Amino acid sequence: SASAADARRAIALAPRWARPWGRVGDAARRLGQDAKEEGAAAYRKAVELEPSRANVAKLQELIATQDGASADAAHATKEEGNEAMRSGQLGLAVAAYTEAIARLPLKADAVAERPDPHALLRAVLHSNRSGAFLRLRNFEMAVADGQDAVAAQPGFVSARCQLGVALLANNMHQEAYAEFAKALQLSQEEHNKARKGCNVCLQEMVRWRSASATLRFQSRFFLDIHRPRGTTRVFALSDIHFDHRENEDWVHGIDDNAFQDDVLIVAGNLADSKVAVGRGLTTLRQKFRRVFYTVGNHEMSITHAEHARYPDSIAKLHAIIAECDELGVDIFPAPVCEGVTILPLFSWYSAEFDEKDPFPDPNAHYDKHCKWPMDPDLQVWKYMAKLNESFLAKPYFGTVISFSHFLPRKGLPFDASRKNSAKAVGCEMLEEQLRAAGSKLHVYGHSRSRFGGMLQG
């Protein structure tokens, strides 16, 4: 009681200060059932003035313990929040949406026979509160509410878009892209907000300025920069196809101890599914000190089991990159010892690689299980090349070993048994990029032909 009285005096002196309102709420909660109404009003005012995580949690907890959970009451309080949003009273909107969420009946048990009857309203409330937090520039809370909205109603396109916007504002470009792309996949017709979100993310992702990309560079680039020259060897593999049993057995047969000081380059086509890619990288990571990896065309295909998980191949690409981060596999350039740097390059094929007919074949269906948010013949290879540009801007000293999945120049041997196969094996832009980086040795895959030599060296 004394604490509540002191807090009320503070409110009289500074009515726009959130802390004493919160103290009144704390005291009222301890005073029992009779003071709960005053506590709820005080917490609501605290949230209105300072919509912090702590204040929101206290308001929601107190309202949820009161009697009278009702979807109708939640809906009415939601309308108060909407009105506050329209008038620019963002703190009041957060308070109203929080109260509405707390007034909803508890979720039904998570079994298929008993779906949540209020799932859509729950999703709308979390999505709306996410929008309020976003306008308040509380991006962390905006993301959390967006995730709760999607969890409540995974098929709610607006919730996906709201989560995408929150992630984008929180510098999580890859994660935002996945949400916008999923919204496009779910929508029955073209969704302008989702399309615009995808396009913005595609532009941001090539710059590699997201929180995850920054952490990746800071945590991996300097690991071996002072490792003495001559203390490591570099090996290279490509087209392992780990999802074939005999190839998986071969990888498991690599000696567990012989290469613990060495580096492995994996130049794409490790496997088709992301699960198999993860298993393959896990196995190789245990056998080598460091593994550098880039994707090929097989990784970019969407397998039957992956259709519900990955809306397109760009989303799958970044899911694979996230898996690499978890496993400690390198997809960014980094020194492996003093004077030696490994440079992975993203790549895709261009029909211009075919000297006899440098135009896309409308009747060819290369990699038909890939799904792109852009023209597969004219834009994918350019986008992949664009992903490399920030790598090329960095100064590298000593020997640079680059690698890609696709062939970097015409004239290199490849399996030409398939009709018009030259249109789907390489990209000349790769040679420009590897030379711009000062590469002394380039490793590539995909060709199904062995080759080694010095060209214009």
Foldseek 3Di string as FASTA:
>chain_A
DVQLVVLVVVCVVPVLALVSLQSNLVVLVVVDDVSLVSNLVSLLSSQLSPVDPVSLVSNLVSLLPDPQQDLVVLVVLQVVLVVCVVVVSLSNNLSSLSNSLSSHPDADPPDPVGHGPCLQVNLVSLLSNLVSCVVVVVLVSSLVSLVRSCVSPVLPLSSLLSNLVSCVSQLNLLVSLQSLLVSCVSDPDDDVSSVVSNVVSLVVLLQLPGPVSVCQCVVPAPPAQAAAPPQEEEEEDELLACVDPVSVVVLLPPDQPPAARYEYEYAANNHQELVSVLVSCLSVVSRHNAYEYEYDLSPQFQDPVRVNPGSFSSSSRVVSVVSCVVSVHHDAWHASHHQEIEHEAEAWFELCLDVVDSDDDPPDCPSVRGGDPDDPHPPPRVSSRSSCVVNLPDAGGHAYEYEHAADQHHPDAADPPDPSCSRTGHDVVNVVSCVSSVHPHYYYHDRPDDDDDDDPD
